[in-house]
N, C-alpha and C. Protein backbone atom coordinates (compact mmCIF):
# COMPACT_ATOMS: atom_id res chain seq x y z
N MET A 1 170.25 31.94 114.16
CA MET A 1 170.19 30.82 113.57
C MET A 1 169.08 30.05 114.63
N ALA A 2 168.24 29.66 113.80
CA ALA A 2 167.17 28.71 114.90
C ALA A 2 167.86 27.47 115.07
N THR A 3 167.54 27.16 116.28
CA THR A 3 167.73 25.83 117.18
C THR A 3 166.35 24.93 117.23
N HIS A 4 166.53 23.65 117.39
CA HIS A 4 165.88 22.66 117.61
C HIS A 4 165.88 21.67 118.46
N SER A 5 165.37 20.96 119.18
CA SER A 5 165.69 20.24 120.29
C SER A 5 165.57 18.64 119.61
N VAL A 6 166.74 18.00 119.69
CA VAL A 6 166.47 16.54 119.05
C VAL A 6 166.89 15.63 120.33
N ARG A 7 166.31 14.28 120.24
CA ARG A 7 166.67 13.33 120.90
C ARG A 7 167.82 12.61 120.10
N LEU A 8 168.86 12.12 121.05
CA LEU A 8 170.00 11.56 121.13
C LEU A 8 170.47 10.47 121.89
N ASP A 9 170.87 9.39 121.14
CA ASP A 9 171.49 8.47 121.95
C ASP A 9 172.25 8.94 123.23
N GLN A 10 171.84 8.55 124.37
CA GLN A 10 172.77 8.58 125.39
C GLN A 10 174.09 8.63 125.10
N ALA A 11 174.61 7.34 124.79
CA ALA A 11 176.08 7.12 124.58
C ALA A 11 176.58 8.19 123.68
N LEU A 12 175.97 8.41 122.72
CA LEU A 12 176.67 9.61 121.92
C LEU A 12 176.88 10.98 122.61
N VAL A 13 175.77 11.35 123.42
CA VAL A 13 176.10 12.46 124.21
C VAL A 13 176.99 12.42 125.25
N GLU A 14 177.00 11.26 125.86
CA GLU A 14 178.28 10.93 126.68
C GLU A 14 179.72 10.90 125.95
N LYS A 15 179.88 10.41 124.99
CA LYS A 15 181.30 10.73 124.31
C LYS A 15 181.38 12.09 123.73
N ALA A 16 180.34 12.39 123.13
CA ALA A 16 180.48 14.23 122.91
C ALA A 16 180.99 14.82 124.40
N THR A 17 180.54 14.65 125.12
CA THR A 17 180.63 15.58 126.28
C THR A 17 182.35 15.25 126.77
N ILE A 18 182.68 14.37 126.64
CA ILE A 18 184.12 13.82 127.05
C ILE A 18 184.76 14.77 126.14
N ILE A 19 184.82 14.22 124.74
CA ILE A 19 185.27 14.68 123.93
C ILE A 19 185.20 16.32 123.87
N ALA A 20 184.41 16.81 123.94
CA ALA A 20 183.89 18.30 123.74
C ALA A 20 184.80 18.82 125.47
N LYS A 21 185.00 18.60 126.26
CA LYS A 21 185.92 19.05 127.26
C LYS A 21 187.13 18.87 127.02
N ALA A 22 187.74 17.84 126.22
CA ALA A 22 189.03 17.98 126.15
C ALA A 22 189.46 18.81 125.09
N LEU A 23 188.65 19.12 123.90
CA LEU A 23 188.64 20.26 122.67
C LEU A 23 188.17 21.33 123.31
N ASN A 24 187.77 21.59 124.39
CA ASN A 24 186.96 23.25 124.60
C ASN A 24 186.01 23.69 123.62
N ARG A 25 184.94 22.69 123.93
CA ARG A 25 183.80 22.77 123.06
C ARG A 25 182.78 22.57 124.19
N THR A 26 181.66 22.61 123.72
CA THR A 26 180.43 22.34 124.37
C THR A 26 179.97 21.05 123.74
N PRO A 27 179.09 19.92 124.34
CA PRO A 27 178.83 18.96 123.89
C PRO A 27 178.10 19.13 122.39
N PRO A 28 176.97 20.03 122.48
CA PRO A 28 176.19 20.39 121.28
C PRO A 28 177.03 20.81 120.30
N LYS A 29 178.20 21.66 120.55
CA LYS A 29 179.15 22.18 119.41
C LYS A 29 180.18 20.97 119.02
N GLN A 30 180.18 19.97 119.70
CA GLN A 30 181.02 18.98 119.35
C GLN A 30 180.52 18.20 118.52
N ILE A 31 178.76 17.56 118.97
CA ILE A 31 178.01 17.35 118.09
C ILE A 31 177.92 17.92 116.42
N GLU A 32 178.01 19.18 116.76
CA GLU A 32 177.43 19.56 115.35
C GLU A 32 178.85 19.65 114.28
N HIS A 33 180.18 19.74 115.10
CA HIS A 33 181.47 19.32 114.58
C HIS A 33 181.46 18.07 113.65
N TRP A 34 180.74 17.08 114.90
CA TRP A 34 180.88 15.68 114.15
C TRP A 34 179.59 15.47 113.08
N ALA A 35 178.60 16.19 112.81
CA ALA A 35 177.71 16.37 111.89
C ALA A 35 178.03 16.85 110.69
N ARG A 36 179.07 18.15 110.64
CA ARG A 36 179.41 18.58 109.58
C ARG A 36 180.70 18.12 108.79
N ILE A 37 181.68 17.26 109.72
CA ILE A 37 182.43 16.30 108.93
C ILE A 37 181.78 15.34 108.18
N GLY A 38 180.82 14.59 108.80
CA GLY A 38 179.96 13.41 108.42
C GLY A 38 179.19 14.14 107.22
N GLU A 39 178.59 14.76 107.02
CA GLU A 39 178.47 15.65 106.01
C GLU A 39 179.12 15.84 104.80
N MET A 40 180.62 16.54 105.20
CA MET A 40 181.28 16.61 104.30
C MET A 40 182.05 15.54 103.40
N MET A 41 182.06 14.30 104.30
CA MET A 41 182.79 13.40 104.14
C MET A 41 181.39 12.29 103.28
N GLU A 42 180.36 12.39 103.00
CA GLU A 42 179.47 11.97 102.37
C GLU A 42 179.22 12.59 101.20
N ASP A 43 179.28 13.93 101.07
CA ASP A 43 179.31 14.98 99.92
C ASP A 43 180.54 14.63 99.08
N ASN A 44 181.79 14.18 99.83
CA ASN A 44 182.85 13.99 99.17
C ASN A 44 183.39 12.74 99.53
N PRO A 45 182.95 11.69 99.04
CA PRO A 45 183.58 10.27 99.59
C PRO A 45 184.81 9.98 99.06
N ASP A 46 185.53 10.53 98.07
CA ASP A 46 186.99 10.45 97.59
C ASP A 46 188.15 11.36 98.27
N LEU A 47 187.53 12.37 99.23
CA LEU A 47 188.57 12.71 99.66
C LEU A 47 188.85 12.06 101.21
N PRO A 48 190.10 12.07 101.32
CA PRO A 48 190.62 11.55 102.59
C PRO A 48 190.27 12.75 104.07
N TYR A 49 190.08 11.77 105.05
CA TYR A 49 189.49 12.63 106.15
C TYR A 49 190.54 13.87 106.40
N GLU A 50 191.76 13.66 106.36
CA GLU A 50 192.78 14.97 107.25
C GLU A 50 192.43 15.98 106.01
N PHE A 51 192.43 15.71 104.92
CA PHE A 51 191.77 16.68 103.69
C PHE A 51 190.76 17.86 104.28
N VAL A 52 189.60 16.86 104.39
CA VAL A 52 188.57 17.57 105.02
C VAL A 52 188.85 18.13 106.64
N ARG A 53 189.52 17.65 107.26
CA ARG A 53 189.94 18.41 108.61
C ARG A 53 191.06 19.72 108.34
N GLN A 54 191.66 19.67 107.31
CA GLN A 54 192.53 20.76 106.99
C GLN A 54 191.55 21.83 106.20
N ALA A 55 190.36 21.50 105.58
CA ALA A 55 189.74 22.52 104.62
C ALA A 55 189.01 23.20 106.18
N ILE A 56 188.12 22.52 106.92
CA ILE A 56 187.69 23.42 108.15
C ILE A 56 188.44 24.02 108.91
N ILE A 57 189.81 23.64 108.92
CA ILE A 57 190.83 24.36 109.69
C ILE A 57 190.94 25.86 108.84
N ALA A 58 191.08 25.77 107.40
CA ALA A 58 191.67 26.50 106.37
C ALA A 58 190.10 27.69 106.30
N GLN A 59 189.18 27.18 106.35
CA GLN A 59 187.67 27.95 106.42
C GLN A 59 187.82 28.72 107.81
N ALA A 60 188.16 28.05 108.70
CA ALA A 60 188.08 28.95 110.32
C ALA A 60 189.15 29.84 110.57
N GLU A 61 190.46 29.51 109.60
CA GLU A 61 191.49 31.01 109.84
C GLU A 61 190.90 31.82 108.44
N ARG A 62 190.49 31.63 107.60
CA ARG A 62 189.66 32.34 106.81
C ARG A 62 188.86 33.67 107.35
N ASP A 63 187.75 32.67 108.12
CA ASP A 63 186.59 33.58 108.78
C ASP A 63 187.31 34.49 109.67
N ALA A 64 188.33 34.15 110.43
CA ALA A 64 189.34 34.87 111.51
C ALA A 64 190.22 36.16 110.97
N GLY A 65 190.11 35.95 109.39
CA GLY A 65 190.91 36.92 108.59
C GLY A 65 192.53 36.40 109.11
N LYS A 66 193.22 35.27 108.97
CA LYS A 66 194.27 34.91 109.11
C LYS A 66 194.83 34.35 108.26
N LEU A 67 194.37 34.05 106.93
CA LEU A 67 194.94 33.78 105.89
C LEU A 67 195.95 34.50 105.42
N GLU A 68 196.93 34.26 104.81
CA GLU A 68 198.00 35.21 103.95
C GLU A 68 198.18 34.70 102.85
N ALA A 69 198.42 35.87 101.71
CA ALA A 69 198.67 35.24 100.48
C ALA A 69 199.61 34.57 100.26
N TYR A 70 199.54 33.45 99.41
CA TYR A 70 200.77 32.54 98.81
C TYR A 70 201.18 32.68 97.67
N ASP A 71 202.49 32.98 97.85
CA ASP A 71 203.49 33.49 96.94
C ASP A 71 203.72 32.21 95.94
N PHE A 72 203.64 32.10 94.57
CA PHE A 72 203.60 30.59 93.84
C PHE A 72 205.20 30.57 93.30
N ASP A 73 205.73 32.01 93.28
CA ASP A 73 207.37 31.78 92.96
C ASP A 73 208.16 31.53 93.82
């Protein structure tokens, strides 16, 4: 994956640093996380935030091989 340097507002970086530490992420990963949520919310304006959050969690569980088949019976 290619990386690029970008200039960001210092207040955003400071907030990301604080939140990242609390959530065991790096500041760049925290900003990527926020960007991903923002992109999903803009692409799906009718979906509530909690649905988007759960979709991100489900995708991470799938990627980690931790999903189980759901029985509809």
